[in-house]
Amino acid sequence: MKSAAISASDVARIATLAKIPVTTAEEKKLAIGFNATLSVVDKLFSIDTSTVAGTHQVTGLVNVFREDEVDVVHMLSQEEALANASRYYNGFFVVDQIIEQG
């Protein structure tokens, strides 16, 4: 499987979508880095893994989750939570609506 090359203009488009400012020099450098990474991934796809058993968990841990319990000691009241809010209404934070196409 051969990946398509990433160009500096592709990096510019991704940066625009992610709202990350990058310079022209950074676009070129990032394109080189992305292509190097994709080259390594292409090499991984060429490895024959047909005789390797699949795995979904490699740490040996059985249950890494904890019960979802309320920690009353660290819980804020509604007034405490809103104390430093610049705007709130009826006990809720108020934020500006942002709707735009990228």
PDB file of N, CA and C in Angstrom:
ATOM      1  N   MET A   1       0.854  -1.182   0.000  1.00  0.00           N
ATOM      2  CA  MET A   1       0.000   0.000   0.000  1.00  0.00           C
ATOM      3  C   MET A   1       0.889   1.230   0.000  1.00  0.00           C
ATOM      4  N   LYS A   2       0.744   2.064  -0.990  1.00  0.00           N
ATOM      5  CA  LYS A   2       1.571   3.262  -1.117  1.00  0.00           C
ATOM      6  C   LYS A   2       0.707   4.481  -0.810  1.00  0.00           C
ATOM      7  N   SER A   3       1.144   5.259   0.187  1.00  0.00           N
ATOM      8  CA  SER A   3       0.407   6.461   0.571  1.00  0.00           C
ATOM      9  C   SER A   3       0.651   7.585  -0.423  1.00  0.00           C
ATOM     10  N   ALA A   4      -0.327   8.440  -0.592  1.00  0.00           N
ATOM     11  CA  ALA A   4      -0.157   9.616  -1.425  1.00  0.00           C
ATOM     12  C   ALA A   4       0.752  10.598  -0.700  1.00  0.00           C
ATOM     13  N   ALA A   5       1.584  11.289  -1.445  1.00  0.00           N
ATOM     14  CA  ALA A   5       2.506  12.252  -0.843  1.00  0.00           C
ATOM     15  C   ALA A   5       1.733  13.460  -0.315  1.00  0.00           C
ATOM     16  N   ILE A   6       2.183  13.968   0.799  1.00  0.00           N
ATOM     17  CA  ILE A   6       1.595  15.169   1.403  1.00  0.00           C
ATOM     18  C   ILE A   6       2.409  16.373   0.931  1.00  0.00           C
ATOM     19  N   SER A   7       1.744  17.359   0.363  1.00  0.00           N
ATOM     20  CA  SER A   7       2.431  18.553  -0.124  1.00  0.00           C
ATOM     21  C   SER A   7       2.332  19.674   0.909  1.00  0.00           C
ATOM     22  N   ALA A   8       3.110  20.716   0.680  1.00  0.00           N
ATOM     23  CA  ALA A   8       3.050  21.887   1.562  1.00  0.00           C
ATOM     24  C   ALA A   8       1.658  22.510   1.531  1.00  0.00           C
ATOM     25  N   SER A   9       0.985  22.448   0.369  1.00  0.00           N
ATOM     26  CA  SER A   9      -0.376  23.006   0.295  1.00  0.00           C
ATOM     27  C   SER A   9      -1.362  22.147   1.092  1.00  0.00           C
ATOM     28  N   ASP A  10      -1.121  20.826   1.150  1.00  0.00           N
ATOM     29  CA  ASP A  10      -1.946  19.961   1.999  1.00  0.00           C
ATOM     30  C   ASP A  10      -1.775  20.353   3.469  1.00  0.00           C
ATOM     31  N   VAL A  11      -0.536  20.592   3.864  1.00  0.00           N
ATOM     32  CA  VAL A  11      -0.252  21.011   5.244  1.00  0.00           C
ATOM     33  C   VAL A  11      -0.935  22.339   5.528  1.00  0.00           C
ATOM     34  N   ALA A  12      -0.884  23.268   4.588  1.00  0.00           N
ATOM     35  CA  ALA A  12      -1.539  24.568   4.768  1.00  0.00           C
ATOM     36  C   ALA A  12      -3.035  24.393   4.968  1.00  0.00           C
ATOM     37  N   ARG A  13      -3.658  23.495   4.200  1.00  0.00           N
ATOM     38  CA  ARG A  13      -5.099  23.253   4.315  1.00  0.00           C
ATOM     39  C   ARG A  13      -5.440  22.643   5.678  1.00  0.00           C
ATOM     40  N   ILE A  14      -4.637  21.667   6.097  1.00  0.00           N
ATOM     41  CA  ILE A  14      -4.858  21.047   7.407  1.00  0.00           C
ATOM     42  C   ILE A  14      -4.701  22.075   8.515  1.00  0.00           C
ATOM     43  N   ALA A  15      -3.677  22.910   8.408  1.00  0.00           N
ATOM     44  CA  ALA A  15      -3.441  23.950   9.417  1.00  0.00           C
ATOM     45  C   ALA A  15      -4.608  24.924   9.467  1.00  0.00           C
ATOM     46  N   THR A  16      -5.154  25.261   8.311  1.00  0.00           N
ATOM     47  CA  THR A  16      -6.317  26.161   8.265  1.00  0.00           C
ATOM     48  C   THR A  16      -7.514  25.522   8.949  1.00  0.00           C
ATOM     49  N   LEU A  17      -7.769  24.249   8.643  1.00  0.00           N
ATOM     50  CA  LEU A  17      -8.902  23.545   9.265  1.00  0.00           C
ATOM     51  C   LEU A  17      -8.726  23.444  10.772  1.00  0.00           C
ATOM     52  N   ALA A  18      -7.474  23.238  11.220  1.00  0.00           N
ATOM     53  CA  ALA A  18      -7.201  23.101  12.653  1.00  0.00           C
ATOM     54  C   ALA A  18      -6.992  24.449  13.328  1.00  0.00           C
ATOM     55  N   LYS A  19      -7.028  25.522  12.516  1.00  0.00           N
ATOM     56  CA  LYS A  19      -6.819  26.879  13.036  1.00  0.00           C
ATOM     57  C   LYS A  19      -5.471  27.001  13.745  1.00  0.00           C
ATOM     58  N   ILE A  20      -4.437  26.432  13.103  1.00  0.00           N
ATOM     59  CA  ILE A  20      -3.064  26.486  13.609  1.00  0.00           C
ATOM     60  C   ILE A  20      -2.254  27.326  12.631  1.00  0.00           C
ATOM     61  N   PRO A  21      -1.721  28.440  13.083  1.00  0.00           N
ATOM     62  CA  PRO A  21      -0.924  29.261  12.169  1.00  0.00           C
ATOM     63  C   PRO A  21       0.432  28.611  11.880  1.00  0.00           C
ATOM     64  N   VAL A  22       0.776  28.470  10.606  1.00  0.00           N
ATOM     65  CA  VAL A  22       2.087  27.944  10.213  1.00  0.00           C
ATOM     66  C   VAL A  22       2.663  28.820   9.109  1.00  0.00           C
ATOM     67  N   THR A  23       3.968  28.961   9.128  1.00  0.00           N
ATOM     68  CA  THR A  23       4.647  29.731   8.093  1.00  0.00           C
ATOM     69  C   THR A  23       4.884  28.846   6.877  1.00  0.00           C
ATOM     70  N   THR A  24       5.290  29.460   5.771  1.00  0.00           N
ATOM     71  CA  THR A  24       5.590  28.697   4.554  1.00  0.00           C
ATOM     72  C   THR A  24       6.727  27.715   4.807  1.00  0.00           C
ATOM     73  N   ALA A  25       7.733  28.147   5.556  1.00  0.00           N
ATOM     74  CA  ALA A  25       8.853  27.254   5.882  1.00  0.00           C
ATOM     75  C   ALA A  25       8.377  26.073   6.722  1.00  0.00           C
ATOM     76  N   GLU A  26       7.484  26.329   7.679  1.00  0.00           N
ATOM     77  CA  GLU A  26       6.944  25.253   8.514  1.00  0.00           C
ATOM     78  C   GLU A  26       6.103  24.285   7.684  1.00  0.00           C
ATOM     79  N   GLU A  27       5.360  24.811   6.711  1.00  0.00           N
ATOM     80  CA  GLU A  27       4.554  23.952   5.840  1.00  0.00           C
ATOM     81  C   GLU A  27       5.443  22.947   5.119  1.00  0.00           C
ATOM     82  N   LYS A  28       6.577  23.425   4.585  1.00  0.00           N
ATOM     83  CA  LYS A  28       7.499  22.553   3.855  1.00  0.00           C
ATOM     84  C   LYS A  28       8.120  21.526   4.789  1.00  0.00           C
ATOM     85  N   LYS A  29       8.540  21.979   5.984  1.00  0.00           N
ATOM     86  CA  LYS A  29       9.169  21.075   6.945  1.00  0.00           C
ATOM     87  C   LYS A  29       8.176  20.011   7.426  1.00  0.00           C
ATOM     88  N   LEU A  30       6.939  20.421   7.708  1.00  0.00           N
ATOM     89  CA  LEU A  30       5.920  19.473   8.156  1.00  0.00           C
ATOM     90  C   LEU A  30       5.566  18.476   7.055  1.00  0.00           C
ATOM     91  N   ALA A  31       5.523  18.926   5.810  1.00  0.00           N
ATOM     92  CA  ALA A  31       5.232  18.018   4.696  1.00  0.00           C
ATOM     93  C   ALA A  31       6.304  16.937   4.611  1.00  0.00           C
ATOM     94  N   ILE A  32       7.564  17.317   4.780  1.00  0.00           N
ATOM     95  CA  ILE A  32       8.657  16.346   4.763  1.00  0.00           C
ATOM     96  C   ILE A  32       8.484  15.348   5.908  1.00  0.00           C
ATOM     97  N   GLY A  33       8.157  15.844   7.092  1.00  0.00           N
ATOM     98  CA  GLY A  33       7.962  14.979   8.256  1.00  0.00           C
ATOM     99  C   GLY A  33       6.784  14.030   8.083  1.00  0.00           C
ATOM    100  N   PHE A  34       5.672  14.550   7.545  1.00  0.00           N
ATOM    101  CA  PHE A  34       4.500  13.694   7.313  1.00  0.00           C
ATOM    102  C   PHE A  34       4.841  12.588   6.318  1.00  0.00           C
ATOM    103  N   ASN A  35       5.548  12.949   5.254  1.00  0.00           N
ATOM    104  CA  ASN A  35       5.896  11.951   4.240  1.00  0.00           C
ATOM    105  C   ASN A  35       6.850  10.900   4.790  1.00  0.00           C
ATOM    106  N   ALA A  36       7.760  11.296   5.673  1.00  0.00           N
ATOM    107  CA  ALA A  36       8.657  10.324   6.312  1.00  0.00           C
ATOM    108  C   ALA A  36       7.855   9.359   7.172  1.00  0.00           C
ATOM    109  N   THR A  37       6.890   9.874   7.911  1.00  0.00           N
ATOM    110  CA  THR A  37       6.042   9.027   8.748  1.00  0.00           C
ATOM    111  C   THR A  37       5.222   8.067   7.896  1.00  0.00           C
ATOM    112  N   LEU A  38       4.639   8.569   6.818  1.00  0.00           N
ATOM    113  CA  LEU A  38       3.842   7.714   5.939  1.00  0.00           C
ATOM    114  C   LEU A  38       4.701   6.639   5.281  1.00  0.00           C
ATOM    115  N   SER A  39       5.959   6.954   5.015  1.00  0.00           N
ATOM    116  CA  SER A  39       6.879   5.956   4.455  1.00  0.00           C
ATOM    117  C   SER A  39       7.087   4.803   5.432  1.00  0.00           C
ATOM    118  N   VAL A  40       7.237   5.114   6.710  1.00  0.00           N
ATOM    119  CA  VAL A  40       7.396   4.075   7.735  1.00  0.00           C
ATOM    120  C   VAL A  40       6.126   3.240   7.836  1.00  0.00           C
ATOM    121  N   VAL A  41       4.983   3.896   7.796  1.00  0.00           N
ATOM    122  CA  VAL A  41       3.709   3.172   7.860  1.00  0.00           C
ATOM    123  C   VAL A  41       3.569   2.242   6.656  1.00  0.00           C
ATOM    124  N   ASP A  42       3.973   2.716   5.468  1.00  0.00           N
ATOM    125  CA  ASP A  42       3.934   1.858   4.275  1.00  0.00           C
ATOM    126  C   ASP A  42       4.793   0.615   4.469  1.00  0.00           C
ATOM    127  N   LYS A  43       5.959   0.770   5.090  1.00  0.00           N
ATOM    128  CA  LYS A  43       6.829  -0.378   5.357  1.00  0.00           C
ATOM    129  C   LYS A  43       6.151  -1.358   6.311  1.00  0.00           C
ATOM    130  N   LEU A  44       5.440  -0.843   7.298  1.00  0.00           N
ATOM    131  CA  LEU A  44       4.735  -1.710   8.240  1.00  0.00           C
ATOM    132  C   LEU A  44       3.658  -2.533   7.537  1.00  0.00           C
ATOM    133  N   PHE A  45       2.976  -1.921   6.564  1.00  0.00           N
ATOM    134  CA  PHE A  45       1.938  -2.647   5.824  1.00  0.00           C
ATOM    135  C   PHE A  45       2.524  -3.780   4.990  1.00  0.00           C
ATOM    136  N   SER A  46       3.810  -3.700   4.651  1.00  0.00           N
ATOM    137  CA  SER A  46       4.415  -4.740   3.817  1.00  0.00           C
ATOM    138  C   SER A  46       4.862  -5.966   4.622  1.00  0.00           C
ATOM    139  N   ILE A  47       4.790  -5.896   5.937  1.00  0.00           N
ATOM    140  CA  ILE A  47       5.217  -7.010   6.789  1.00  0.00           C
ATOM    141  C   ILE A  47       4.137  -8.091   6.803  1.00  0.00           C
ATOM    142  N   ASP A  48       4.563  -9.337   6.628  1.00  0.00           N
ATOM    143  CA  ASP A  48       3.626 -10.467   6.655  1.00  0.00           C
ATOM    144  C   ASP A  48       3.289 -10.812   8.107  1.00  0.00           C
ATOM    145  N   THR A  49       2.055 -10.567   8.486  1.00  0.00           N
ATOM    146  CA  THR A  49       1.609 -10.867   9.854  1.00  0.00           C
ATOM    147  C   THR A  49       0.588 -11.997   9.881  1.00  0.00           C
ATOM    148  N   SER A  50       0.515 -12.751   8.795  1.00  0.00           N
ATOM    149  CA  SER A  50      -0.505 -13.799   8.703  1.00  0.00           C
ATOM    150  C   SER A  50      -0.324 -14.892   9.752  1.00  0.00           C
ATOM    151  N   THR A  51       0.887 -15.082  10.262  1.00  0.00           N
ATOM    152  CA  THR A  51       1.119 -16.136  11.252  1.00  0.00           C
ATOM    153  C   THR A  51       1.133 -15.607  12.682  1.00  0.00           C
ATOM    154  N   VAL A  52       0.879 -14.331  12.843  1.00  0.00           N
ATOM    155  CA  VAL A  52       0.901 -13.720  14.171  1.00  0.00           C
ATOM    156  C   VAL A  52      -0.529 -13.662  14.711  1.00  0.00           C
ATOM    157  N   ALA A  53      -0.704 -14.154  15.917  1.00  0.00           N
ATOM    158  CA  ALA A  53      -2.040 -14.134  16.531  1.00  0.00           C
ATOM    159  C   ALA A  53      -2.434 -12.696  16.856  1.00  0.00           C
ATOM    160  N   GLY A  54      -3.677 -12.396  16.610  1.00  0.00           N
ATOM    161  CA  GLY A  54      -4.178 -11.056  16.906  1.00  0.00           C
ATOM    162  C   GLY A  54      -4.240 -10.819  18.410  1.00  0.00           C
ATOM    163  N   THR A  55      -4.116  -9.572  18.794  1.00  0.00           N
ATOM    164  CA  THR A  55      -4.213  -9.225  20.209  1.00  0.00           C
ATOM    165  C   THR A  55      -4.962  -7.910  20.343  1.00  0.00           C
ATOM    166  N   HIS A  56      -5.608  -7.759  21.443  1.00  0.00           N
ATOM    167  CA  HIS A  56      -6.326  -6.514  21.683  1.00  0.00           C
ATOM    168  C   HIS A  56      -5.882  -5.868  22.984  1.00  0.00           C
ATOM    169  N   GLN A  57      -5.046  -6.560  23.750  1.00  0.00           N
ATOM    170  CA  GLN A  57      -4.631  -6.056  25.052  1.00  0.00           C
ATOM    171  C   GLN A  57      -3.262  -6.641  25.356  1.00  0.00           C
ATOM    172  N   VAL A  58      -2.280  -5.775  25.610  1.00  0.00           N
ATOM    173  CA  VAL A  58      -0.912  -6.268  25.779  1.00  0.00           C
ATOM    174  C   VAL A  58      -0.337  -6.028  27.167  1.00  0.00           C
ATOM    175  N   THR A  59      -1.074  -5.370  28.048  1.00  0.00           N
ATOM    176  CA  THR A  59      -0.515  -5.025  29.360  1.00  0.00           C
ATOM    177  C   THR A  59      -0.749  -6.093  30.416  1.00  0.00           C
ATOM    178  N   GLY A  60      -1.734  -6.960  30.205  1.00  0.00           N
ATOM    179  CA  GLY A  60      -2.058  -7.963  31.207  1.00  0.00           C
ATOM    180  C   GLY A  60      -3.012  -7.454  32.276  1.00  0.00           C
ATOM    181  N   LEU A  61      -3.375  -6.180  32.217  1.00  0.00           N
ATOM    182  CA  LEU A  61      -4.317  -5.641  33.193  1.00  0.00           C
ATOM    183  C   LEU A  61      -5.721  -6.158  32.903  1.00  0.00           C
ATOM    184  N   VAL A  62      -6.462  -6.434  33.946  1.00  0.00           N
ATOM    185  CA  VAL A  62      -7.801  -6.994  33.776  1.00  0.00           C
ATOM    186  C   VAL A  62      -8.858  -5.899  33.756  1.00  0.00           C
ATOM    187  N   ASN A  63      -8.867  -5.025  34.739  1.00  0.00           N
ATOM    188  CA  ASN A  63      -9.860  -3.967  34.820  1.00  0.00           C
ATOM    189  C   ASN A  63      -9.164  -2.677  35.221  1.00  0.00           C
ATOM    190  N   VAL A  64      -8.985  -1.795  34.268  1.00  0.00           N
ATOM    191  CA  VAL A  64      -8.276  -0.550  34.543  1.00  0.00           C
ATOM    192  C   VAL A  64      -9.238   0.593  34.878  1.00  0.00           C
ATOM    193  N   PHE A  65     -10.513   0.291  34.944  1.00  0.00           N
ATOM    194  CA  PHE A  65     -11.503   1.322  35.237  1.00  0.00           C
ATOM    195  C   PHE A  65     -11.835   1.342  36.720  1.00  0.00           C
ATOM    196  N   ARG A  66     -12.302   2.469  37.180  1.00  0.00           N
ATOM    197  CA  ARG A  66     -12.740   2.593  38.560  1.00  0.00           C
ATOM    198  C   ARG A  66     -14.227   2.929  38.554  1.00  0.00           C
ATOM    199  N   GLU A  67     -14.852   2.725  39.667  1.00  0.00           N
ATOM    200  CA  GLU A  67     -16.261   3.077  39.785  1.00  0.00           C
ATOM    201  C   GLU A  67     -16.411   4.597  39.685  1.00  0.00           C
ATOM    202  N   ASP A  68     -17.474   5.045  39.074  1.00  0.00           N
ATOM    203  CA  ASP A  68     -17.749   6.465  38.932  1.00  0.00           C
ATOM    204  C   ASP A  68     -18.472   6.935  40.190  1.00  0.00           C
ATOM    205  N   GLU A  69     -17.691   7.448  41.124  1.00  0.00           N
ATOM    206  CA  GLU A  69     -18.249   7.878  42.407  1.00  0.00           C
ATOM    207  C   GLU A  69     -18.076   9.382  42.576  1.00  0.00           C
ATOM    208  N   VAL A  70     -19.027  10.023  43.195  1.00  0.00           N
ATOM    209  CA  VAL A  70     -18.969  11.452  43.459  1.00  0.00           C
ATOM    210  C   VAL A  70     -18.012  11.702  44.615  1.00  0.00           C
ATOM    211  N   ASP A  71     -17.042  12.587  44.398  1.00  0.00           N
ATOM    212  CA  ASP A  71     -16.078  12.965  45.439  1.00  0.00           C
ATOM    213  C   ASP A  71     -16.564  14.274  46.052  1.00  0.00           C
ATOM    214  N   VAL A  72     -17.340  14.179  47.103  1.00  0.00           N
ATOM    215  CA  VAL A  72     -17.977  15.342  47.719  1.00  0.00           C
ATOM    216  C   VAL A  72     -16.944  16.355  48.211  1.00  0.00           C
ATOM    217  N   VAL A  73     -15.775  15.885  48.621  1.00  0.00           N
ATOM    218  CA  VAL A  73     -14.728  16.782  49.128  1.00  0.00           C
ATOM    219  C   VAL A  73     -14.272  17.758  48.049  1.00  0.00           C
ATOM    220  N   HIS A  74     -14.185  17.308  46.816  1.00  0.00           N
ATOM    221  CA  HIS A  74     -13.693  18.149  45.726  1.00  0.00           C
ATOM    222  C   HIS A  74     -14.809  18.734  44.861  1.00  0.00           C
ATOM    223  N   MET A  75     -16.041  18.568  45.260  1.00  0.00           N
ATOM    224  CA  MET A  75     -17.174  19.033  44.488  1.00  0.00           C
ATOM    225  C   MET A  75     -17.437  20.508  44.766  1.00  0.00           C
ATOM    226  N   LEU A  76     -17.720  21.284  43.708  1.00  0.00           N
ATOM    227  CA  LEU A  76     -18.055  22.696  43.856  1.00  0.00           C
ATOM    228  C   LEU A  76     -19.570  22.867  43.886  1.00  0.00           C
ATOM    229  N   SER A  77     -20.010  23.842  44.663  1.00  0.00           N
ATOM    230  CA  SER A  77     -21.428  24.202  44.601  1.00  0.00           C
ATOM    231  C   SER A  77     -21.633  24.976  43.296  1.00  0.00           C
ATOM    232  N   GLN A  78     -22.877  25.178  42.919  1.00  0.00           N
ATOM    233  CA  GLN A  78     -23.154  25.916  41.686  1.00  0.00           C
ATOM    234  C   GLN A  78     -22.613  27.338  41.793  1.00  0.00           C
ATOM    235  N   GLU A  79     -22.748  27.941  42.948  1.00  0.00           N
ATOM    236  CA  GLU A  79     -22.263  29.305  43.149  1.00  0.00           C
ATOM    237  C   GLU A  79     -20.743  29.361  43.035  1.00  0.00           C
ATOM    238  N   GLU A  80     -20.041  28.364  43.600  1.00  0.00           N
ATOM    239  CA  GLU A  80     -18.580  28.327  43.514  1.00  0.00           C
ATOM    240  C   GLU A  80     -18.118  28.123  42.068  1.00  0.00           C
ATOM    241  N   ALA A  81     -18.828  27.278  41.352  1.00  0.00           N
ATOM    242  CA  ALA A  81     -18.455  27.011  39.964  1.00  0.00           C
ATOM    243  C   ALA A  81     -18.623  28.250  39.091  1.00  0.00           C
ATOM    244  N   LEU A  82     -19.624  29.047  39.384  1.00  0.00           N
ATOM    245  CA  LEU A  82     -19.905  30.242  38.583  1.00  0.00           C
ATOM    246  C   LEU A  82     -19.208  31.498  39.111  1.00  0.00           C
ATOM    247  N   ALA A  83     -18.505  31.393  40.219  1.00  0.00           N
ATOM    248  CA  ALA A  83     -17.924  32.566  40.880  1.00  0.00           C
ATOM    249  C   ALA A  83     -17.014  33.384  39.961  1.00  0.00           C
ATOM    250  N   ASN A  84     -16.215  32.755  39.120  1.00  0.00           N
ATOM    251  CA  ASN A  84     -15.292  33.483  38.254  1.00  0.00           C
ATOM    252  C   ASN A  84     -15.758  33.557  36.799  1.00  0.00           C
ATOM    253  N   ALA A  85     -17.000  33.158  36.554  1.00  0.00           N
ATOM    254  CA  ALA A  85     -17.528  33.203  35.185  1.00  0.00           C
ATOM    255  C   ALA A  85     -17.751  34.647  34.766  1.00  0.00           C
ATOM    256  N   SER A  86     -17.331  34.966  33.547  1.00  0.00           N
ATOM    257  CA  SER A  86     -17.555  36.323  33.062  1.00  0.00           C
ATOM    258  C   SER A  86     -19.035  36.575  32.788  1.00  0.00           C
ATOM    259  N   ARG A  87     -19.749  35.512  32.370  1.00  0.00           N
ATOM    260  CA  ARG A  87     -21.193  35.645  32.132  1.00  0.00           C
ATOM    261  C   ARG A  87     -21.894  34.352  32.530  1.00  0.00           C
ATOM    262  N   TYR A  88     -23.046  34.486  33.145  1.00  0.00           N
ATOM    263  CA  TYR A  88     -23.875  33.329  33.447  1.00  0.00           C
ATOM    264  C   TYR A  88     -25.326  33.776  33.516  1.00  0.00           C
ATOM    265  N   TYR A  89     -26.233  32.799  33.368  1.00  0.00           N
ATOM    266  CA  TYR A  89     -27.656  33.095  33.370  1.00  0.00           C
ATOM    267  C   TYR A  89     -28.382  31.883  33.922  1.00  0.00           C
ATOM    268  N   ASN A  90     -29.228  32.098  34.916  1.00  0.00           N
ATOM    269  CA  ASN A  90     -30.017  31.030  35.539  1.00  0.00           C
ATOM    270  C   ASN A  90     -29.161  29.839  35.950  1.00  0.00           C
ATOM    271  N   GLY A  91     -27.961  30.101  36.442  1.00  0.00           N
ATOM    272  CA  GLY A  91     -27.102  29.041  36.940  1.00  0.00           C
ATOM    273  C   GLY A  91     -26.275  28.325  35.884  1.00  0.00           C
ATOM    274  N   PHE A  92     -26.244  28.842  34.660  1.00  0.00           N
ATOM    275  CA  PHE A  92     -25.469  28.223  33.583  1.00  0.00           C
ATOM    276  C   PHE A  92     -24.451  29.208  33.037  1.00  0.00           C
ATOM    277  N   PHE A  93     -23.316  28.678  32.550  1.00  0.00           N
ATOM    278  CA  PHE A  93     -22.331  29.512  31.871  1.00  0.00           C
ATOM    279  C   PHE A  93     -22.918  30.013  30.564  1.00  0.00           C
ATOM    280  N   VAL A  94     -22.623  31.238  30.190  1.00  0.00           N
ATOM    281  CA  VAL A  94     -23.046  31.795  28.913  1.00  0.00           C
ATOM    282  C   VAL A  94     -21.797  31.988  28.060  1.00  0.00           C
ATOM    283  N   VAL A  95     -21.818  31.429  26.852  1.00  0.00           N
ATOM    284  CA  VAL A  95     -20.711  31.573  25.913  1.00  0.00           C
ATOM    285  C   VAL A  95     -21.261  32.045  24.566  1.00  0.00           C
ATOM    286  N   ASP A  96     -20.388  32.670  23.773  1.00  0.00           N
ATOM    287  CA  ASP A  96     -20.803  33.121  22.450  1.00  0.00           C
ATOM    288  C   ASP A  96     -21.000  31.935  21.528  1.00  0.00           C
ATOM    289  N   GLN A  97     -21.993  32.031  20.669  1.00  0.00           N
ATOM    290  CA  GLN A  97     -22.227  30.986  19.681  1.00  0.00           C
ATOM    291  C   GLN A  97     -21.262  31.198  18.526  1.00  0.00           C
ATOM    292  N   ILE A  98     -20.602  30.110  18.111  1.00  0.00           N
ATOM    293  CA  ILE A  98     -19.659  30.201  16.987  1.00  0.00           C
ATOM    294  C   ILE A  98     -20.089  29.175  15.948  1.00  0.00           C
ATOM    295  N   ILE A  99     -20.520  29.676  14.804  1.00  0.00           N
ATOM    296  CA  ILE A  99     -20.910  28.815  13.703  1.00  0.00           C
ATOM    297  C   ILE A  99     -20.245  29.372  12.441  1.00  0.00           C
ATOM    298  N   GLU A 100     -19.333  28.591  11.882  1.00  0.00           N
ATOM    299  CA  GLU A 100     -18.678  29.015  10.653  1.00  0.00           C
ATOM    300  C   GLU A 100     -18.245  27.792   9.855  1.00  0.00           C
ATOM    301  N   GLN A 101     -18.067  27.992   8.578  1.00  0.00           N
ATOM    302  CA  GLN A 101     -17.606  26.924   7.709  1.00  0.00           C
ATOM    303  C   GLN A 101     -16.098  27.059   7.545  1.00  0.00           C
ATOM    304  N   GLY A 102     -15.379  25.926   7.621  1.00  0.00           N
ATOM    305  CA  GLY A 102     -13.919  25.961   7.508  1.00  0.00           C
ATOM    306  C   GLY A 102     -13.423  25.602   6.173  1.00  0.00           C
TER     307      GLY A 102
END
